[in-house]
Amino acid sequence: MFDAALIGDIYEAAAVPDRWLAVLQTLAERLGAQGSNLIRIGPQGMAITSTDGVRTMTDEFLRSGLNTQNTRVGRLLERGAHPGFLTDSDLHSPHELATLPIYAEFLTLHRADAGRPR
C-alpha cells in the first residue's frame, strides 16, 4: 500500500507540526482505526496530538495514570531503528496483552469492538 502522497504528507508534517492532525486522521481512516495519536517529547515536555476519534479516550488514559506504566515505549526503544510502524502485538506476547495493567485495565476495555460478539 505504497502511497507517495501520504509519505510526502508525513515528511511535510515533520517539518510543519500543525499538519500532523490531518496526517493522523488520514492514517486512521485508511487503517479503519478509531483514531490515532502522535506523542512527542522535547524540551517543553510531552505534547500529544489526537484525532477526534480518540481524544476523549486519550485524556481519560492520561488521567488514569496508566501512562506511567506504558511498556510500549520501552519495547519500541529496545527494538532500535525500525523502518515502519509496529503494533502492540509486535511488542508484547498474548499473555502480556491479557494481563499487563495498561491493557487489562484500559486499552482492551476501550477497543472499538469491545463488547461486540466475536
PDB file of N, CA and C in Angstrom:
ATOM      1  N   MET A   1       0.834  -1.168   0.000  1.00  0.00           N
ATOM      2  CA  MET A   1       0.000   0.000   0.000  1.00  0.00           C
ATOM      3  C   MET A   1       0.890   1.248   0.000  1.00  0.00           C
ATOM      4  N   PHE A   2       1.813   1.314  -0.885  1.00  0.00           N
ATOM      5  CA  PHE A   2       2.696   2.470  -1.007  1.00  0.00           C
ATOM      6  C   PHE A   2       1.891   3.656  -1.506  1.00  0.00           C
ATOM      7  N   ASP A   3       1.976   4.748  -0.801  1.00  0.00           N
ATOM      8  CA  ASP A   3       1.245   5.947  -1.169  1.00  0.00           C
ATOM      9  C   ASP A   3       2.206   7.128  -1.069  1.00  0.00           C
ATOM     10  N   ALA A   4       2.740   7.517  -2.204  1.00  0.00           N
ATOM     11  CA  ALA A   4       3.738   8.589  -2.222  1.00  0.00           C
ATOM     12  C   ALA A   4       3.194   9.883  -1.651  1.00  0.00           C
ATOM     13  N   ALA A   5       1.918  10.185  -1.893  1.00  0.00           N
ATOM     14  CA  ALA A   5       1.335  11.426  -1.367  1.00  0.00           C
ATOM     15  C   ALA A   5       1.283  11.399   0.159  1.00  0.00           C
ATOM     16  N   LEU A   6       0.877  10.261   0.722  1.00  0.00           N
ATOM     17  CA  LEU A   6       0.817  10.147   2.181  1.00  0.00           C
ATOM     18  C   LEU A   6       2.216  10.238   2.785  1.00  0.00           C
ATOM     19  N   ILE A   7       3.168   9.586   2.183  1.00  0.00           N
ATOM     20  CA  ILE A   7       4.548   9.661   2.672  1.00  0.00           C
ATOM     21  C   ILE A   7       5.045  11.104   2.602  1.00  0.00           C
ATOM     22  N   GLY A   8       4.720  11.784   1.540  1.00  0.00           N
ATOM     23  CA  GLY A   8       5.071  13.195   1.428  1.00  0.00           C
ATOM     24  C   GLY A   8       4.415  14.029   2.520  1.00  0.00           C
ATOM     25  N   ASP A   9       3.146  13.709   2.818  1.00  0.00           N
ATOM     26  CA  ASP A   9       2.438  14.423   3.889  1.00  0.00           C
ATOM     27  C   ASP A   9       3.103  14.189   5.247  1.00  0.00           C
ATOM     28  N   ILE A  10       3.583  12.979   5.476  1.00  0.00           N
ATOM     29  CA  ILE A  10       4.263  12.656   6.737  1.00  0.00           C
ATOM     30  C   ILE A  10       5.549  13.478   6.853  1.00  0.00           C
ATOM     31  N   TYR A  11       6.332  13.515   5.806  1.00  0.00           N
ATOM     32  CA  TYR A  11       7.567  14.315   5.830  1.00  0.00           C
ATOM     33  C   TYR A  11       7.253  15.800   6.023  1.00  0.00           C
ATOM     34  N   GLU A  12       6.209  16.261   5.368  1.00  0.00           N
ATOM     35  CA  GLU A  12       5.825  17.667   5.498  1.00  0.00           C
ATOM     36  C   GLU A  12       5.401  17.980   6.934  1.00  0.00           C
ATOM     37  N   ALA A  13       4.628  17.080   7.544  1.00  0.00           N
ATOM     38  CA  ALA A  13       4.192  17.288   8.927  1.00  0.00           C
ATOM     39  C   ALA A  13       5.374  17.280   9.894  1.00  0.00           C
ATOM     40  N   ALA A  14       6.396  16.513   9.574  1.00  0.00           N
ATOM     41  CA  ALA A  14       7.590  16.505  10.419  1.00  0.00           C
ATOM     42  C   ALA A  14       8.245  17.880  10.440  1.00  0.00           C
ATOM     43  N   ALA A  15       8.123  18.610   9.345  1.00  0.00           N
ATOM     44  CA  ALA A  15       8.697  19.954   9.268  1.00  0.00           C
ATOM     45  C   ALA A  15       7.708  21.035   9.699  1.00  0.00           C
ATOM     46  N   VAL A  16       6.420  20.765   9.525  1.00  0.00           N
ATOM     47  CA  VAL A  16       5.366  21.719   9.881  1.00  0.00           C
ATOM     48  C   VAL A  16       4.381  20.989  10.809  1.00  0.00           C
ATOM     49  N   PRO A  17       4.641  20.969  12.111  1.00  0.00           N
ATOM     50  CA  PRO A  17       3.855  20.161  13.052  1.00  0.00           C
ATOM     51  C   PRO A  17       2.351  20.399  13.028  1.00  0.00           C
ATOM     52  N   ASP A  18       1.887  21.563  12.626  1.00  0.00           N
ATOM     53  CA  ASP A  18       0.447  21.817  12.564  1.00  0.00           C
ATOM     54  C   ASP A  18      -0.260  20.903  11.568  1.00  0.00           C
ATOM     55  N   ARG A  19       0.489  20.229  10.730  1.00  0.00           N
ATOM     56  CA  ARG A  19      -0.115  19.351   9.722  1.00  0.00           C
ATOM     57  C   ARG A  19      -0.285  17.909  10.202  1.00  0.00           C
ATOM     58  N   TRP A  20       0.212  17.606  11.411  1.00  0.00           N
ATOM     59  CA  TRP A  20       0.118  16.236  11.908  1.00  0.00           C
ATOM     60  C   TRP A  20      -1.319  15.757  12.058  1.00  0.00           C
ATOM     61  N   LEU A  21      -2.194  16.608  12.519  1.00  0.00           N
ATOM     62  CA  LEU A  21      -3.568  16.171  12.762  1.00  0.00           C
ATOM     63  C   LEU A  21      -4.208  15.606  11.490  1.00  0.00           C
ATOM     64  N   ALA A  22      -4.028  16.279  10.382  1.00  0.00           N
ATOM     65  CA  ALA A  22      -4.588  15.780   9.113  1.00  0.00           C
ATOM     66  C   ALA A  22      -3.948  14.458   8.713  1.00  0.00           C
ATOM     67  N   VAL A  23      -2.642  14.330   8.914  1.00  0.00           N
ATOM     68  CA  VAL A  23      -1.952  13.079   8.577  1.00  0.00           C
ATOM     69  C   VAL A  23      -2.462  11.946   9.465  1.00  0.00           C
ATOM     70  N   LEU A  24      -2.598  12.215  10.759  1.00  0.00           N
ATOM     71  CA  LEU A  24      -3.086  11.193  11.681  1.00  0.00           C
ATOM     72  C   LEU A  24      -4.500  10.760  11.321  1.00  0.00           C
ATOM     73  N   GLN A  25      -5.342  11.706  10.939  1.00  0.00           N
ATOM     74  CA  GLN A  25      -6.710  11.373  10.548  1.00  0.00           C
ATOM     75  C   GLN A  25      -6.713  10.515   9.287  1.00  0.00           C
ATOM     76  N   THR A  26      -5.894  10.843   8.325  1.00  0.00           N
ATOM     77  CA  THR A  26      -5.788  10.048   7.105  1.00  0.00           C
ATOM     78  C   THR A  26      -5.337   8.627   7.423  1.00  0.00           C
ATOM     79  N   LEU A  27      -4.311   8.502   8.274  1.00  0.00           N
ATOM     80  CA  LEU A  27      -3.832   7.165   8.658  1.00  0.00           C
ATOM     81  C   LEU A  27      -4.940   6.361   9.323  1.00  0.00           C
ATOM     82  N   ALA A  28      -5.653   6.975  10.256  1.00  0.00           N
ATOM     83  CA  ALA A  28      -6.729   6.265  10.948  1.00  0.00           C
ATOM     84  C   ALA A  28      -7.797   5.801   9.967  1.00  0.00           C
ATOM     85  N   GLU A  29      -8.199   6.680   9.079  1.00  0.00           N
ATOM     86  CA  GLU A  29      -9.234   6.326   8.096  1.00  0.00           C
ATOM     87  C   GLU A  29      -8.788   5.185   7.200  1.00  0.00           C
ATOM     88  N   ARG A  30      -7.567   5.244   6.722  1.00  0.00           N
ATOM     89  CA  ARG A  30      -7.078   4.207   5.811  1.00  0.00           C
ATOM     90  C   ARG A  30      -6.918   2.859   6.495  1.00  0.00           C
ATOM     91  N   LEU A  31      -6.641   2.880   7.794  1.00  0.00           N
ATOM     92  CA  LEU A  31      -6.449   1.634   8.531  1.00  0.00           C
ATOM     93  C   LEU A  31      -7.718   1.154   9.219  1.00  0.00           C
ATOM     94  N   GLY A  32      -8.785   1.921   9.122  1.00  0.00           N
ATOM     95  CA  GLY A  32     -10.039   1.551   9.777  1.00  0.00           C
ATOM     96  C   GLY A  32      -9.937   1.648  11.291  1.00  0.00           C
ATOM     97  N   ALA A  33      -9.127   2.571  11.777  1.00  0.00           N
ATOM     98  CA  ALA A  33      -8.926   2.744  13.213  1.00  0.00           C
ATOM     99  C   ALA A  33      -9.865   3.802  13.771  1.00  0.00           C
ATOM    100  N   GLN A  34     -10.105   3.742  15.082  1.00  0.00           N
ATOM    101  CA  GLN A  34     -10.914   4.757  15.750  1.00  0.00           C
ATOM    102  C   GLN A  34     -10.294   6.136  15.588  1.00  0.00           C
ATOM    103  N   GLY A  35      -8.991   6.173  15.618  1.00  0.00           N
ATOM    104  CA  GLY A  35      -8.265   7.423  15.537  1.00  0.00           C
ATOM    105  C   GLY A  35      -6.806   7.138  15.782  1.00  0.00           C
ATOM    106  N   SER A  36      -6.044   8.193  15.992  1.00  0.00           N
ATOM    107  CA  SER A  36      -4.624   7.982  16.254  1.00  0.00           C
ATOM    108  C   SER A  36      -4.061   9.138  17.060  1.00  0.00           C
ATOM    109  N   ASN A  37      -2.926   8.862  17.682  1.00  0.00           N
ATOM    110  CA  ASN A  37      -2.199   9.839  18.486  1.00  0.00           C
ATOM    111  C   ASN A  37      -0.775   9.939  17.983  1.00  0.00           C
ATOM    112  N   LEU A  38      -0.214  11.105  18.160  1.00  0.00           N
ATOM    113  CA  LEU A  38       1.215  11.304  17.972  1.00  0.00           C
ATOM    114  C   LEU A  38       1.719  11.908  19.275  1.00  0.00           C
ATOM    115  N   ILE A  39       2.663  11.235  19.908  1.00  0.00           N
ATOM    116  CA  ILE A  39       3.221  11.696  21.175  1.00  0.00           C
ATOM    117  C   ILE A  39       4.648  12.151  20.917  1.00  0.00           C
ATOM    118  N   ARG A  40       4.915  13.392  21.277  1.00  0.00           N
ATOM    119  CA  ARG A  40       6.243  13.962  21.087  1.00  0.00           C
ATOM    120  C   ARG A  40       6.776  14.404  22.437  1.00  0.00           C
ATOM    121  N   ILE A  41       8.060  14.170  22.652  1.00  0.00           N
ATOM    122  CA  ILE A  41       8.710  14.619  23.872  1.00  0.00           C
ATOM    123  C   ILE A  41       9.890  15.484  23.477  1.00  0.00           C
ATOM    124  N   GLY A  42       9.937  16.664  24.040  1.00  0.00           N
ATOM    125  CA  GLY A  42      11.007  17.601  23.715  1.00  0.00           C
ATOM    126  C   GLY A  42      11.327  18.461  24.918  1.00  0.00           C
ATOM    127  N   PRO A  43      12.077  19.510  24.696  1.00  0.00           N
ATOM    128  CA  PRO A  43      12.482  20.391  25.798  1.00  0.00           C
ATOM    129  C   PRO A  43      11.302  20.980  26.581  1.00  0.00           C
ATOM    130  N   GLN A  44      10.174  21.173  25.910  1.00  0.00           N
ATOM    131  CA  GLN A  44       8.991  21.729  26.587  1.00  0.00           C
ATOM    132  C   GLN A  44       8.164  20.659  27.285  1.00  0.00           C
ATOM    133  N   GLY A  45       8.576  19.407  27.206  1.00  0.00           N
ATOM    134  CA  GLY A  45       7.822  18.312  27.813  1.00  0.00           C
ATOM    135  C   GLY A  45       7.107  17.485  26.761  1.00  0.00           C
ATOM    136  N   MET A  46       6.053  16.817  27.186  1.00  0.00           N
ATOM    137  CA  MET A  46       5.303  15.936  26.300  1.00  0.00           C
ATOM    138  C   MET A  46       4.156  16.702  25.648  1.00  0.00           C
ATOM    139  N   ALA A  47       3.940  16.438  24.380  1.00  0.00           N
ATOM    140  CA  ALA A  47       2.808  17.003  23.644  1.00  0.00           C
ATOM    141  C   ALA A  47       2.136  15.871  22.886  1.00  0.00           C
ATOM    142  N   ILE A  48       0.824  15.851  22.916  1.00  0.00           N
ATOM    143  CA  ILE A  48       0.066  14.802  22.241  1.00  0.00           C
ATOM    144  C   ILE A  48      -0.884  15.448  21.244  1.00  0.00           C
ATOM    145  N   THR A  49      -0.876  14.935  20.034  1.00  0.00           N
ATOM    146  CA  THR A  49      -1.848  15.322  19.026  1.00  0.00           C
ATOM    147  C   THR A  49      -2.769  14.129  18.844  1.00  0.00           C
ATOM    148  N   SER A  50      -4.067  14.339  19.065  1.00  0.00           N
ATOM    149  CA  SER A  50      -5.052  13.255  18.979  1.00  0.00           C
ATOM    150  C   SER A  50      -6.138  13.614  17.976  1.00  0.00           C
ATOM    151  N   THR A  51      -6.544  12.635  17.193  1.00  0.00           N
ATOM    152  CA  THR A  51      -7.689  12.846  16.316  1.00  0.00           C
ATOM    153  C   THR A  51      -8.957  12.809  17.163  1.00  0.00           C
ATOM    154  N   ASP A  52     -10.037  13.333  16.621  1.00  0.00           N
ATOM    155  CA  ASP A  52     -11.295  13.397  17.365  1.00  0.00           C
ATOM    156  C   ASP A  52     -11.738  12.034  17.878  1.00  0.00           C
ATOM    157  N   GLY A  53     -11.510  10.979  17.094  1.00  0.00           N
ATOM    158  CA  GLY A  53     -11.986   9.651  17.458  1.00  0.00           C
ATOM    159  C   GLY A  53     -11.369   9.067  18.712  1.00  0.00           C
ATOM    160  N   VAL A  54     -10.227   9.592  19.138  1.00  0.00           N
ATOM    161  CA  VAL A  54      -9.577   9.041  20.337  1.00  0.00           C
ATOM    162  C   VAL A  54      -9.207  10.110  21.370  1.00  0.00           C
ATOM    163  N   ARG A  55      -9.575  11.356  21.118  1.00  0.00           N
ATOM    164  CA  ARG A  55      -9.166  12.439  22.024  1.00  0.00           C
ATOM    165  C   ARG A  55      -9.699  12.226  23.442  1.00  0.00           C
ATOM    166  N   THR A  56     -10.974  11.914  23.599  1.00  0.00           N
ATOM    167  CA  THR A  56     -11.556  11.710  24.928  1.00  0.00           C
ATOM    168  C   THR A  56     -10.900  10.526  25.618  1.00  0.00           C
ATOM    169  N   MET A  57     -10.696   9.445  24.882  1.00  0.00           N
ATOM    170  CA  MET A  57     -10.055   8.262  25.441  1.00  0.00           C
ATOM    171  C   MET A  57      -8.612   8.566  25.853  1.00  0.00           C
ATOM    172  N   THR A  58      -7.908   9.336  25.065  1.00  0.00           N
ATOM    173  CA  THR A  58      -6.532   9.699  25.383  1.00  0.00           C
ATOM    174  C   THR A  58      -6.480  10.517  26.663  1.00  0.00           C
ATOM    175  N   ASP A  59      -7.382  11.468  26.797  1.00  0.00           N
ATOM    176  CA  ASP A  59      -7.438  12.275  28.021  1.00  0.00           C
ATOM    177  C   ASP A  59      -7.736  11.401  29.235  1.00  0.00           C
ATOM    178  N   GLU A  60      -8.676  10.465  29.085  1.00  0.00           N
ATOM    179  CA  GLU A  60      -9.012   9.545  30.168  1.00  0.00           C
ATOM    180  C   GLU A  60      -7.809   8.670  30.539  1.00  0.00           C
ATOM    181  N   PHE A  61      -7.085   8.215  29.542  1.00  0.00           N
ATOM    182  CA  PHE A  61      -5.897   7.387  29.775  1.00  0.00           C
ATOM    183  C   PHE A  61      -4.854   8.157  30.589  1.00  0.00           C
ATOM    184  N   LEU A  62      -4.637   9.414  30.223  1.00  0.00           N
ATOM    185  CA  LEU A  62      -3.664  10.221  30.960  1.00  0.00           C
ATOM    186  C   LEU A  62      -4.120  10.444  32.395  1.00  0.00           C
ATOM    187  N   ARG A  63      -5.407  10.701  32.589  1.00  0.00           N
ATOM    188  CA  ARG A  63      -5.932  10.881  33.957  1.00  0.00           C
ATOM    189  C   ARG A  63      -5.813   9.614  34.788  1.00  0.00           C
ATOM    190  N   SER A  64      -5.897   8.442  34.142  1.00  0.00           N
ATOM    191  CA  SER A  64      -5.850   7.169  34.876  1.00  0.00           C
ATOM    192  C   SER A  64      -4.481   6.907  35.492  1.00  0.00           C
ATOM    193  N   GLY A  65      -3.441   7.526  34.946  1.00  0.00           N
ATOM    194  CA  GLY A  65      -2.081   7.292  35.429  1.00  0.00           C
ATOM    195  C   GLY A  65      -1.424   6.066  34.829  1.00  0.00           C
ATOM    196  N   LEU A  66      -2.157   5.302  34.024  1.00  0.00           N
ATOM    197  CA  LEU A  66      -1.576   4.105  33.417  1.00  0.00           C
ATOM    198  C   LEU A  66      -0.496   4.435  32.401  1.00  0.00           C
ATOM    199  N   ASN A  67      -0.462   5.678  31.945  1.00  0.00           N
ATOM    200  CA  ASN A  67       0.588   6.065  31.009  1.00  0.00           C
ATOM    201  C   ASN A  67       1.968   5.935  31.647  1.00  0.00           C
ATOM    202  N   THR A  68       2.045   5.981  32.966  1.00  0.00           N
ATOM    203  CA  THR A  68       3.336   5.811  33.645  1.00  0.00           C
ATOM    204  C   THR A  68       3.772   4.353  33.658  1.00  0.00           C
ATOM    205  N   GLN A  69       2.864   3.454  33.293  1.00  0.00           N
ATOM    206  CA  GLN A  69       3.172   2.024  33.235  1.00  0.00           C
ATOM    207  C   GLN A  69       3.168   1.528  31.783  1.00  0.00           C
ATOM    208  N   ASN A  70       3.363   2.433  30.863  1.00  0.00           N
ATOM    209  CA  ASN A  70       3.284   2.109  29.439  1.00  0.00           C
ATOM    210  C   ASN A  70       4.546   1.387  28.984  1.00  0.00           C
ATOM    211  N   THR A  71       4.444   0.094  28.816  1.00  0.00           N
ATOM    212  CA  THR A  71       5.581  -0.728  28.398  1.00  0.00           C
ATOM    213  C   THR A  71       5.870  -0.613  26.904  1.00  0.00           C
ATOM    214  N   ARG A  72       4.956  -0.026  26.157  1.00  0.00           N
ATOM    215  CA  ARG A  72       5.127   0.042  24.706  1.00  0.00           C
ATOM    216  C   ARG A  72       6.323   0.898  24.312  1.00  0.00           C
ATOM    217  N   VAL A  73       6.510   2.019  24.980  1.00  0.00           N
ATOM    218  CA  VAL A  73       7.612   2.918  24.616  1.00  0.00           C
ATOM    219  C   VAL A  73       8.955   2.224  24.800  1.00  0.00           C
ATOM    220  N   GLY A  74       9.150   1.600  25.950  1.00  0.00           N
ATOM    221  CA  GLY A  74      10.398   0.890  26.196  1.00  0.00           C
ATOM    222  C   GLY A  74      10.646  -0.214  25.186  1.00  0.00           C
ATOM    223  N   ARG A  75       9.601  -0.937  24.860  1.00  0.00           N
ATOM    224  CA  ARG A  75       9.732  -2.019  23.878  1.00  0.00           C
ATOM    225  C   ARG A  75      10.101  -1.471  22.509  1.00  0.00           C
ATOM    226  N   LEU A  76       9.504  -0.347  22.149  1.00  0.00           N
ATOM    227  CA  LEU A  76       9.855   0.275  20.866  1.00  0.00           C
ATOM    228  C   LEU A  76      11.315   0.673  20.835  1.00  0.00           C
ATOM    229  N   LEU A  77      11.775   1.272  21.932  1.00  0.00           N
ATOM    230  CA  LEU A  77      13.168   1.714  22.002  1.00  0.00           C
ATOM    231  C   LEU A  77      14.133   0.523  21.986  1.00  0.00           C
ATOM    232  N   GLU A  78      13.749  -0.577  22.626  1.00  0.00           N
ATOM    233  CA  GLU A  78      14.589  -1.774  22.640  1.00  0.00           C
ATOM    234  C   GLU A  78      14.790  -2.339  21.233  1.00  0.00           C
ATOM    235  N   ARG A  79      13.816  -2.153  20.372  1.00  0.00           N
ATOM    236  CA  ARG A  79      13.909  -2.699  19.005  1.00  0.00           C
ATOM    237  C   ARG A  79      14.877  -1.917  18.143  1.00  0.00           C
ATOM    238  N   GLY A  80      15.223  -0.719  18.589  1.00  0.00           N
ATOM    239  CA  GLY A  80      16.140   0.095  17.785  1.00  0.00           C
ATOM    240  C   GLY A  80      15.462   0.635  16.548  1.00  0.00           C
ATOM    241  N   ALA A  81      16.246   0.986  15.591  1.00  0.00           N
ATOM    242  CA  ALA A  81      15.702   1.554  14.354  1.00  0.00           C
ATOM    243  C   ALA A  81      14.817   0.524  13.662  1.00  0.00           C
ATOM    244  N   HIS A  82      13.612   0.931  13.376  1.00  0.00           N
ATOM    245  CA  HIS A  82      12.661   0.052  12.686  1.00  0.00           C
ATOM    246  C   HIS A  82      12.029   0.854  11.558  1.00  0.00           C
ATOM    247  N   PRO A  83      12.102   0.364  10.341  1.00  0.00           N
ATOM    248  CA  PRO A  83      11.614   1.131   9.187  1.00  0.00           C
ATOM    249  C   PRO A  83      10.113   0.987   8.964  1.00  0.00           C
ATOM    250  N   GLY A  84       9.311   1.388   9.933  1.00  0.00           N
ATOM    251  CA  GLY A  84       7.868   1.292   9.746  1.00  0.00           C
ATOM    252  C   GLY A  84       7.134   1.334  11.064  1.00  0.00           C
ATOM    253  N   PHE A  85       5.876   1.004  11.015  1.00  0.00           N
ATOM    254  CA  PHE A  85       5.019   1.021  12.187  1.00  0.00           C
ATOM    255  C   PHE A  85       4.991  -0.361  12.825  1.00  0.00           C
ATOM    256  N   LEU A  86       4.788  -0.388  14.139  1.00  0.00           N
ATOM    257  CA  LEU A  86       4.649  -1.642  14.877  1.00  0.00           C
ATOM    258  C   LEU A  86       3.348  -1.606  15.666  1.00  0.00           C
ATOM    259  N   THR A  87       2.724  -2.754  15.816  1.00  0.00           N
ATOM    260  CA  THR A  87       1.515  -2.846  16.624  1.00  0.00           C
ATOM    261  C   THR A  87       1.874  -3.346  18.012  1.00  0.00           C
ATOM    262  N   ASP A  88       0.922  -3.266  18.917  1.00  0.00           N
ATOM    263  CA  ASP A  88       1.167  -3.756  20.271  1.00  0.00           C
ATOM    264  C   ASP A  88       1.507  -5.243  20.274  1.00  0.00           C
ATOM    265  N   SER A  89       0.885  -6.005  19.376  1.00  0.00           N
ATOM    266  CA  SER A  89       1.182  -7.444  19.338  1.00  0.00           C
ATOM    267  C   SER A  89       2.556  -7.743  18.752  1.00  0.00           C
ATOM    268  N   ASP A  90       3.171  -6.760  18.108  1.00  0.00           N
ATOM    269  CA  ASP A  90       4.567  -6.908  17.681  1.00  0.00           C
ATOM    270  C   ASP A  90       5.509  -6.743  18.871  1.00  0.00           C
ATOM    271  N   LEU A  91       5.039  -6.059  19.896  1.00  0.00           N
ATOM    272  CA  LEU A  91       5.885  -5.688  21.036  1.00  0.00           C
ATOM    273  C   LEU A  91       5.613  -6.496  22.297  1.00  0.00           C
ATOM    274  N   HIS A  92       4.465  -7.176  22.366  1.00  0.00           N
ATOM    275  CA  HIS A  92       4.072  -7.905  23.573  1.00  0.00           C
ATOM    276  C   HIS A  92       3.526  -9.276  23.218  1.00  0.00           C
ATOM    277  N   SER A  93       3.708 -10.202  24.125  1.00  0.00           N
ATOM    278  CA  SER A  93       3.162 -11.550  23.949  1.00  0.00           C
ATOM    279  C   SER A  93       1.651 -11.515  24.197  1.00  0.00           C
ATOM    280  N   PRO A  94       0.925 -12.539  23.736  1.00  0.00           N
ATOM    281  CA  PRO A  94      -0.513 -12.605  24.016  1.00  0.00           C
ATOM    282  C   PRO A  94      -0.798 -12.575  25.524  1.00  0.00           C
ATOM    283  N   HIS A  95       0.050 -13.238  26.304  1.00  0.00           N
ATOM    284  CA  HIS A  95      -0.132 -13.230  27.761  1.00  0.00           C
ATOM    285  C   HIS A  95      -0.007 -11.809  28.318  1.00  0.00           C
ATOM    286  N   GLU A  96       0.974 -11.060  27.843  1.00  0.00           N
ATOM    287  CA  GLU A  96       1.153  -9.680  28.303  1.00  0.00           C
ATOM    288  C   GLU A  96      -0.041  -8.818  27.899  1.00  0.00           C
ATOM    289  N   LEU A  97      -0.535  -9.005  26.692  1.00  0.00           N
ATOM    290  CA  LEU A  97      -1.684  -8.230  26.238  1.00  0.00           C
ATOM    291  C   LEU A  97      -2.921  -8.514  27.086  1.00  0.00           C
ATOM    292  N   ALA A  98      -2.989  -9.698  27.674  1.00  0.00           N
ATOM    293  CA  ALA A  98      -4.134 -10.063  28.511  1.00  0.00           C
ATOM    294  C   ALA A  98      -3.958  -9.652  29.970  1.00  0.00           C
ATOM    295  N   THR A  99      -2.721  -9.467  30.415  1.00  0.00           N
ATOM    296  CA  THR A  99      -2.518  -9.278  31.851  1.00  0.00           C
ATOM    297  C   THR A  99      -1.868  -7.975  32.296  1.00  0.00           C
ATOM    298  N   LEU A 100      -1.093  -7.324  31.458  1.00  0.00           N
ATOM    299  CA  LEU A 100      -0.468  -6.066  31.883  1.00  0.00           C
ATOM    300  C   LEU A 100      -1.556  -5.033  32.183  1.00  0.00           C
ATOM    301  N   PRO A 101      -1.427  -4.283  33.272  1.00  0.00           N
ATOM    302  CA  PRO A 101      -2.472  -3.325  33.651  1.00  0.00           C
ATOM    303  C   PRO A 101      -2.866  -2.343  32.547  1.00  0.00           C
ATOM    304  N   ILE A 102      -1.911  -1.875  31.782  1.00  0.00           N
ATOM    305  CA  ILE A 102      -2.234  -0.919  30.727  1.00  0.00           C
ATOM    306  C   ILE A 102      -3.255  -1.507  29.741  1.00  0.00           C
ATOM    307  N   TYR A 103      -3.188  -2.812  29.504  1.00  0.00           N
ATOM    308  CA  TYR A 103      -4.134  -3.477  28.607  1.00  0.00           C
ATOM    309  C   TYR A 103      -5.372  -3.941  29.369  1.00  0.00           C
ATOM    310  N   ALA A 104      -5.163  -4.712  30.443  1.00  0.00           N
ATOM    311  CA  ALA A 104      -6.276  -5.322  31.168  1.00  0.00           C
ATOM    312  C   ALA A 104      -7.210  -4.279  31.776  1.00  0.00           C
ATOM    313  N   GLU A 105      -6.658  -3.144  32.221  1.00  0.00           N
ATOM    314  CA  GLU A 105      -7.473  -2.146  32.909  1.00  0.00           C
ATOM    315  C   GLU A 105      -7.918  -0.989  32.018  1.00  0.00           C
ATOM    316  N   PHE A 106      -7.350  -0.887  30.812  1.00  0.00           N
ATOM    317  CA  PHE A 106      -7.747   0.250  29.990  1.00  0.00           C
ATOM    318  C   PHE A 106      -7.865  -0.068  28.499  1.00  0.00           C
ATOM    319  N   LEU A 107      -6.765  -0.373  27.859  1.00  0.00           N
ATOM    320  CA  LEU A 107      -6.772  -0.455  26.395  1.00  0.00           C
ATOM    321  C   LEU A 107      -7.740  -1.501  25.847  1.00  0.00           C
ATOM    322  N   THR A 108      -7.752  -2.684  26.428  1.00  0.00           N
ATOM    323  CA  THR A 108      -8.651  -3.727  25.942  1.00  0.00           C
ATOM    324  C   THR A 108     -10.104  -3.317  26.127  1.00  0.00           C
ATOM    325  N   LEU A 109     -10.393  -2.653  27.243  1.00  0.00           N
ATOM    326  CA  LEU A 109     -11.765  -2.215  27.521  1.00  0.00           C
ATOM    327  C   LEU A 109     -12.234  -1.111  26.569  1.00  0.00           C
ATOM    328  N   HIS A 110     -11.300  -0.375  25.992  1.00  0.00           N
ATOM    329  CA  HIS A 110     -11.636   0.737  25.128  1.00  0.00           C
ATOM    330  C   HIS A 110     -11.467   0.454  23.642  1.00  0.00           C
ATOM    331  N   ARG A 111     -11.236  -0.785  23.289  1.00  0.00           N
ATOM    332  CA  ARG A 111     -11.152  -1.135  21.867  1.00  0.00           C
ATOM    333  C   ARG A 111     -12.458  -0.789  21.176  1.00  0.00           C
ATOM    334  N   ALA A 112     -12.387  -0.483  19.915  1.00  0.00           N
ATOM    335  CA  ALA A 112     -13.579  -0.133  19.144  1.00  0.00           C
ATOM    336  C   ALA A 112     -14.590  -1.268  19.132  1.00  0.00           C
ATOM    337  N   ASP A 113     -14.114  -2.523  19.154  1.00  0.00           N
ATOM    338  CA  ASP A 113     -15.033  -3.653  19.075  1.00  0.00           C
ATOM    339  C   ASP A 113     -15.302  -4.290  20.440  1.00  0.00           C
ATOM    340  N   ALA A 114     -14.885  -3.631  21.536  1.00  0.00           N
ATOM    341  CA  ALA A 114     -15.117  -4.186  22.871  1.00  0.00           C
ATOM    342  C   ALA A 114     -16.619  -4.356  23.091  1.00  0.00           C
ATOM    343  N   GLY A 115     -16.980  -5.505  23.604  1.00  0.00           N
ATOM    344  CA  GLY A 115     -18.375  -5.784  23.886  1.00  0.00           C
ATOM    345  C   GLY A 115     -19.143  -6.361  22.713  1.00  0.00           C
ATOM    346  N   ARG A 116     -18.569  -6.354  21.528  1.00  0.00           N
ATOM    347  CA  ARG A 116     -19.239  -6.961  20.382  1.00  0.00           C
ATOM    348  C   ARG A 116     -18.970  -8.449  20.348  1.00  0.00           C
ATOM    349  N   PRO A 117     -19.957  -9.244  19.974  1.00  0.00           N
ATOM    350  CA  PRO A 117     -19.708 -10.681  19.878  1.00  0.00           C
ATOM    351  C   PRO A 117     -18.681 -10.974  18.804  1.00  0.00           C
ATOM    352  N   ARG A 118     -17.879 -11.979  19.039  1.00  0.00           N
ATOM    353  CA  ARG A 118     -16.854 -12.372  18.059  1.00  0.00           C
ATOM    354  C   ARG A 118     -17.367 -13.457  17.159  1.00  0.00           C
TER     355      ARG A 118
END
